[in-house]
Amino acid sequence: MPKIACLLLCLSSCVGVVADDISLPEGLQSFSEGNGGQPVFQGAAGEWDALIRERGWVMRTDGEWRLWYTGYNPDEQPVTMRLGLATSADGIHWERHPANPLIEEDWVEDMMVVRQDNRYLMFAEGAGDQAQMLTSDDGVRWERAGTLDVRLSNGNPIPPGPFGTPTVIRTEQGWHLFYERRDAGIWVARSEDLQTWINISDDPVISPGPEPYCELMIALNQIISVDGKFVAVLHGTGSTQKPRDWCTYFAVSDDLIHWNMAPGNPVLPVKDNKSSGVLVHDGVRYRLYTMHGAVRVHSAR
């Protein structure tokens, strides 16, 4: 594809001029904080998970709620990001699993989980921000399948460097992997066998901006299919100084390639500094869990 065409494709996906209808499906337009504004889950002082890091994953499965999360203790040297699990009967009151940490040696961070043929697949960052896959029969005992083999559209390996926040969704066209590189954009690759992932485009399908709250860095946390549309949950920042302020916002697509900013963004105020959002339907409405430092829940209005 000529460079000019690639540039126009990227810009159109960022500023929202591709799809005719960019409205959000009913039940995703606005959210209010639940649990009296208090976290539903947070770090345990002095323990291996004294602090909670980046994206965790909430799922309703086998009659219970499960939260996989990354915990770490800044007083330990070297600092290691470890995988933890908490369970709940209602998605509000959580108990840590007695097998924690589920993986002691390997670095597991920023994960998401899908269930496929009675097996759990986890996509997460490993050491050095390298996207990896893990598998499990029960969601407790995990085996590392290895770093994801992501390739350019011509079949060559993508350039060396970090590639993280892996997010997958399966459609009739196969598995789609969304990943970010240095928070500078979101790429998408496709696979038929979960072994080799080929970029659909070697340019990002979502780039930072155009709004001030996401003009510097972005990451994609989740994609769900609702009423014939794909809804992406992203977080972004326009803060140039650390610690950065992050916010949660949505994008909408018809085809997983062309994305448009949803009306009403950001979903949660920038001042709240909440990110790493995950949507879960509780049987009545959607809940939006955010995990920036602590896990908080927000219910669709």
Protein backbone atom coordinates (compact mmCIF):
# COMPACT_ATOMS: atom_id res chain seq x y z
CA MET A 1 0.00 0.00 0.00
CA PRO A 2 1.40 3.47 -0.88
CA LYS A 3 2.58 5.56 2.06
CA ILE A 4 -0.05 8.24 1.42
CA ALA A 5 -2.83 5.63 1.52
CA CYS A 6 -1.46 4.17 4.75
CA LEU A 7 -1.33 7.62 6.33
CA LEU A 8 -4.90 8.40 5.33
CA LEU A 9 -6.09 5.04 6.67
CA CYS A 10 -4.40 5.68 10.02
CA LEU A 11 -5.77 9.22 10.30
CA SER A 12 -9.29 8.20 9.41
CA SER A 13 -9.30 5.45 12.03
CA CYS A 14 -8.11 7.92 14.67
CA VAL A 15 -10.47 10.81 14.08
CA GLY A 16 -13.62 8.82 13.41
CA VAL A 17 -14.72 9.37 9.81
CA VAL A 18 -15.01 5.81 8.52
CA ALA A 19 -18.15 4.17 9.89
CA ASP A 20 -21.60 5.68 9.29
CA ASP A 21 -22.80 4.87 12.81
CA ILE A 22 -20.35 5.30 15.68
CA SER A 23 -22.92 5.22 18.49
CA LEU A 24 -22.33 2.84 21.34
CA PRO A 25 -24.67 -0.12 21.87
CA GLU A 26 -27.31 0.36 24.53
CA GLY A 27 -25.95 -0.19 28.02
CA LEU A 28 -22.47 1.13 27.31
CA GLN A 29 -23.11 4.87 27.11
CA SER A 30 -22.31 5.85 30.72
CA PHE A 31 -21.19 4.32 34.00
CA SER A 32 -21.35 5.25 37.67
CA GLU A 33 -18.94 4.06 40.35
CA GLY A 34 -20.17 1.21 42.53
CA ASN A 35 -19.32 -0.19 45.96
CA GLY A 36 -19.64 3.22 47.55
CA GLY A 37 -16.61 4.47 45.66
CA GLN A 38 -14.32 2.02 47.45
CA PRO A 39 -12.02 -0.52 45.75
CA VAL A 40 -13.35 -4.05 45.48
CA PHE A 41 -9.82 -5.47 45.49
CA GLN A 42 -6.40 -4.04 46.30
CA GLY A 43 -2.88 -4.94 47.33
CA ALA A 44 -2.02 -6.71 50.61
CA ALA A 45 0.57 -4.75 52.57
CA GLY A 46 3.81 -6.65 53.12
CA GLU A 47 2.83 -9.57 50.88
CA TRP A 48 4.05 -10.66 47.45
CA ASP A 49 1.10 -8.70 45.99
CA ALA A 50 1.53 -5.55 48.04
CA LEU A 51 0.73 -3.59 44.86
CA ILE A 52 -1.53 -4.34 41.90
CA ARG A 53 -0.07 -3.70 38.45
CA GLU A 54 -1.83 -2.72 35.20
CA ARG A 55 -4.50 -4.86 33.52
CA GLY A 56 -6.07 -7.78 35.32
CA TRP A 57 -8.93 -9.85 33.94
CA VAL A 58 -12.42 -10.44 35.34
CA MET A 59 -14.53 -13.33 34.05
CA ARG A 60 -17.75 -15.06 35.08
CA THR A 61 -17.11 -18.78 34.64
CA ASP A 62 -18.25 -22.06 36.18
CA GLY A 63 -20.71 -20.30 38.48
CA GLU A 64 -18.24 -17.88 40.03
CA TRP A 65 -16.39 -14.67 39.32
CA ARG A 66 -12.65 -14.86 38.77
CA LEU A 67 -10.06 -12.11 38.82
CA TRP A 68 -6.59 -12.84 37.48
CA TYR A 69 -4.20 -10.06 38.41
CA THR A 70 -0.55 -9.04 38.56
CA GLY A 71 0.91 -8.45 42.00
CA TYR A 72 4.34 -7.34 43.09
CA ASN A 73 6.25 -6.14 46.15
CA PRO A 74 8.55 -3.15 45.54
CA ASP A 75 10.64 -4.12 48.59
CA GLU A 76 11.69 -7.41 46.98
CA GLN A 77 14.82 -7.49 44.84
CA PRO A 78 14.64 -8.15 42.04
CA VAL A 79 11.07 -6.96 41.65
CA THR A 80 9.02 -9.63 39.84
CA MET A 81 5.49 -9.37 38.45
CA ARG A 82 3.60 -12.49 39.50
CA LEU A 83 0.23 -13.96 38.60
CA GLY A 84 -2.50 -14.06 41.23
CA LEU A 85 -6.13 -15.20 41.33
CA ALA A 86 -9.08 -14.05 43.42
CA THR A 87 -12.59 -15.48 43.37
CA SER A 88 -16.00 -14.06 44.24
CA ALA A 89 -19.66 -15.00 44.39
CA ASP A 90 -20.85 -11.56 43.32
CA GLY A 91 -17.94 -9.77 41.65
CA ILE A 92 -17.73 -7.34 44.57
CA HIS A 93 -16.35 -9.30 47.52
CA TRP A 94 -13.15 -11.13 46.60
CA GLU A 95 -10.96 -13.76 48.27
CA ARG A 96 -7.40 -14.58 47.27
CA HIS A 97 -6.84 -18.11 46.02
CA PRO A 98 -4.78 -20.30 48.38
CA ALA A 99 -2.46 -21.33 45.51
CA ASN A 100 -1.21 -17.74 45.04
CA PRO A 101 1.04 -16.76 43.46
CA LEU A 102 -0.02 -19.13 40.70
CA ILE A 103 3.36 -18.84 38.98
CA GLU A 104 6.39 -18.19 41.13
CA GLU A 105 9.30 -17.83 38.71
CA ASP A 106 8.00 -16.43 35.41
CA TRP A 107 7.08 -12.80 34.89
CA VAL A 108 3.34 -12.46 34.13
CA GLU A 109 1.83 -9.02 33.68
CA ASP A 110 -1.04 -7.24 31.96
CA MET A 111 -3.05 -10.37 31.17
CA MET A 112 -6.34 -11.26 29.54
CA VAL A 113 -8.07 -14.65 29.45
CA VAL A 114 -10.38 -16.41 27.00
CA ARG A 115 -12.01 -19.80 27.28
CA GLN A 116 -11.77 -22.10 24.29
CA ASP A 117 -12.88 -25.77 24.12
CA ASN A 118 -12.89 -26.18 27.93
CA ARG A 119 -9.41 -24.71 28.12
CA TYR A 120 -8.26 -21.32 29.37
CA LEU A 121 -5.92 -19.28 27.21
CA MET A 122 -4.05 -16.40 28.78
CA PHE A 123 -2.32 -13.68 26.80
CA ALA A 124 0.04 -11.57 28.88
CA GLU A 125 3.28 -9.66 28.94
CA GLY A 126 6.41 -11.46 30.04
CA ALA A 127 9.76 -9.97 31.01
CA GLY A 128 10.84 -7.19 28.66
CA ASP A 129 7.26 -6.51 27.55
CA GLN A 130 7.18 -9.58 25.31
CA ALA A 131 3.67 -10.87 24.62
CA GLN A 132 3.23 -14.52 25.58
CA MET A 133 0.54 -17.19 25.82
CA LEU A 134 -0.19 -19.53 28.72
CA THR A 135 -2.70 -22.39 28.89
CA SER A 136 -4.68 -24.00 31.71
CA ASP A 137 -7.36 -26.62 32.19
CA ASP A 138 -8.73 -25.09 35.39
CA GLY A 139 -7.58 -21.46 35.44
CA VAL A 140 -5.30 -22.16 38.40
CA ARG A 141 -2.42 -24.28 37.10
CA TRP A 142 -0.84 -22.59 34.09
CA GLU A 143 1.74 -23.71 31.55
CA ARG A 144 3.69 -21.22 29.47
CA ALA A 145 3.31 -21.84 25.73
CA GLY A 146 5.95 -19.24 24.85
CA THR A 147 6.39 -15.79 23.35
CA LEU A 148 3.97 -14.98 20.56
CA ASP A 149 5.35 -15.28 17.05
CA VAL A 150 4.14 -12.04 15.45
CA ARG A 151 5.14 -11.27 11.88
CA LEU A 152 4.88 -8.43 9.43
CA SER A 153 2.38 -8.69 6.60
CA ASN A 154 5.15 -10.08 4.36
CA GLY A 155 5.87 -12.91 6.81
CA ASN A 156 9.07 -11.51 8.31
CA PRO A 157 9.34 -11.12 12.10
CA ILE A 158 8.27 -7.75 13.50
CA PRO A 159 11.22 -5.52 14.50
CA PRO A 160 12.85 -6.30 17.87
CA GLY A 161 11.59 -4.45 20.91
CA PRO A 162 8.69 -4.46 23.34
CA PHE A 163 5.23 -5.50 22.21
CA GLY A 164 2.65 -5.81 24.94
CA THR A 165 -0.90 -5.57 26.28
CA PRO A 166 -1.93 -8.49 24.04
CA THR A 167 -5.69 -8.62 23.47
CA VAL A 168 -7.41 -11.32 21.41
CA ILE A 169 -10.85 -11.89 19.97
CA ARG A 170 -12.03 -14.74 17.76
CA THR A 171 -14.33 -14.20 14.78
CA GLU A 172 -15.31 -16.20 11.69
CA GLN A 173 -12.11 -14.91 10.08
CA GLY A 174 -9.94 -16.44 12.81
CA TRP A 175 -8.10 -15.16 15.85
CA HIS A 176 -7.22 -11.47 16.01
CA LEU A 177 -4.40 -10.19 18.20
CA PHE A 178 -4.16 -6.54 19.13
CA TYR A 179 -0.89 -5.36 20.64
CA GLU A 180 0.84 -2.08 21.41
CA ARG A 181 4.43 -1.00 20.94
CA ARG A 182 5.75 1.49 23.50
CA ASP A 183 2.17 2.77 23.95
CA ALA A 184 2.61 4.52 20.59
CA GLY A 185 -0.16 2.73 18.72
CA ILE A 186 -2.24 -0.44 18.38
CA TRP A 187 -1.48 -3.06 15.72
CA VAL A 188 -3.59 -6.07 14.74
CA ALA A 189 -2.44 -9.49 13.55
CA ARG A 190 -4.43 -12.58 12.56
CA SER A 191 -3.89 -16.29 13.17
CA GLU A 192 -5.70 -19.49 12.32
CA ASP A 193 -3.79 -21.75 14.70
CA LEU A 194 -2.63 -19.53 17.63
CA GLN A 195 0.93 -20.27 16.57
CA THR A 196 1.86 -17.63 14.00
CA TRP A 197 0.32 -14.17 13.88
CA ILE A 198 0.49 -12.11 10.66
CA ASN A 199 -0.07 -8.36 10.69
CA ILE A 200 -3.14 -7.29 8.77
CA SER A 201 -1.40 -3.95 8.34
CA ASP A 202 2.12 -2.93 9.29
CA ASP A 203 0.74 0.45 10.36
CA PRO A 204 -1.21 0.87 13.58
CA VAL A 205 -4.99 0.61 13.29
CA ILE A 206 -5.43 2.93 16.29
CA SER A 207 -3.04 5.78 17.08
CA PRO A 208 -2.85 8.30 19.95
CA GLY A 209 -5.20 11.29 19.79
CA PRO A 210 -6.84 13.30 18.54
CA GLU A 211 -8.18 14.30 21.98
CA PRO A 212 -5.82 15.76 24.63
CA TYR A 213 -6.55 12.94 27.09
CA CYS A 214 -5.06 10.31 24.74
CA GLU A 215 -2.70 12.29 22.53
CA LEU A 216 0.56 10.97 24.01
CA MET A 217 0.25 7.25 24.82
CA ILE A 218 -2.46 4.60 24.50
CA ALA A 219 -3.11 0.90 25.12
CA LEU A 220 -6.02 -1.39 24.29
CA ASN A 221 -7.39 -3.64 27.04
CA GLN A 222 -10.39 -5.47 25.61
CA ILE A 223 -12.63 -5.90 22.57
CA ILE A 224 -16.19 -7.21 22.83
CA SER A 225 -18.85 -7.80 20.19
CA VAL A 226 -22.23 -6.20 20.96
CA ASP A 227 -25.21 -5.83 18.62
CA GLY A 228 -23.10 -6.33 15.51
CA LYS A 229 -20.42 -3.85 16.55
CA PHE A 230 -16.99 -4.24 18.05
CA VAL A 231 -16.31 -2.08 21.09
CA ALA A 232 -12.74 -1.51 22.26
CA VAL A 233 -11.87 -0.48 25.79
CA LEU A 234 -8.75 1.66 25.75
CA HIS A 235 -6.80 3.86 28.10
CA GLY A 236 -4.74 6.85 27.18
CA THR A 237 -2.82 9.78 28.56
CA GLY A 238 -1.78 13.23 27.51
CA SER A 239 0.39 13.73 30.59
CA THR A 240 4.00 14.52 29.82
CA GLN A 241 5.20 14.20 33.41
CA LYS A 242 5.25 11.09 35.60
CA PRO A 243 3.24 9.81 37.30
CA ARG A 244 0.94 10.15 34.32
CA ASP A 245 -2.82 10.58 34.53
CA TRP A 246 -4.61 7.88 32.53
CA CYS A 247 -8.26 7.70 31.50
CA THR A 248 -10.60 5.09 30.05
CA TYR A 249 -12.32 5.56 26.70
CA PHE A 250 -14.13 3.52 24.02
CA ALA A 251 -13.75 3.09 20.28
CA VAL A 252 -16.18 1.43 17.84
CA SER A 253 -15.59 -0.62 14.68
CA ASP A 254 -17.49 -2.68 12.14
CA ASP A 255 -14.50 -4.72 10.98
CA LEU A 256 -11.74 -4.64 13.67
CA ILE A 257 -9.57 -2.53 11.36
CA HIS A 258 -11.27 0.87 11.05
CA TRP A 259 -11.90 2.39 14.48
CA ASN A 260 -13.74 5.51 15.56
CA MET A 261 -13.78 7.34 18.87
CA ALA A 262 -17.12 6.73 20.59
CA PRO A 263 -19.29 9.73 21.53
CA GLY A 264 -19.19 10.72 25.19
CA ASN A 265 -15.51 9.91 25.72
CA PRO A 266 -13.75 9.63 28.03
CA VAL A 267 -15.99 7.07 29.74
CA LEU A 268 -14.63 8.07 33.15
CA PRO A 269 -13.33 11.56 33.99
CA VAL A 270 -9.63 12.18 33.42
CA LYS A 271 -9.31 13.46 36.99
CA ASP A 272 -10.27 10.01 38.33
CA ASN A 273 -7.08 8.51 36.83
CA LYS A 274 -8.58 5.07 36.15
CA SER A 275 -7.31 2.75 33.44
CA SER A 276 -6.94 -0.87 32.31
CA GLY A 277 -10.69 -1.25 31.95
CA VAL A 278 -12.52 -4.55 31.38
CA LEU A 279 -16.24 -4.93 30.65
CA VAL A 280 -18.16 -7.87 32.14
CA HIS A 281 -21.90 -8.53 31.86
CA ASP A 282 -23.38 -9.52 35.23
CA GLY A 283 -26.61 -10.96 33.75
CA VAL A 284 -28.47 -7.66 33.97
CA ARG A 285 -26.06 -4.96 32.83
CA TYR A 286 -22.44 -4.32 32.03
CA ARG A 287 -19.90 -3.60 34.70
CA LEU A 288 -16.68 -1.76 33.95
CA TYR A 289 -13.76 -2.80 36.15
CA THR A 290 -10.72 -0.53 36.25
CA MET A 291 -7.38 -1.60 37.72
CA HIS A 292 -5.09 1.38 38.05
CA GLY A 293 -3.51 0.68 41.43
CA ALA A 294 -6.67 -0.92 42.80
CA VAL A 295 -9.65 -2.72 41.27
CA ARG A 296 -12.81 -0.63 41.17
CA VAL A 297 -16.21 -1.39 39.69
CA HIS A 298 -18.58 0.86 37.74
CA SER A 299 -22.12 -0.08 36.69
CA ALA A 300 -23.86 0.94 33.49
CA ARG A 301 -26.51 3.55 34.15
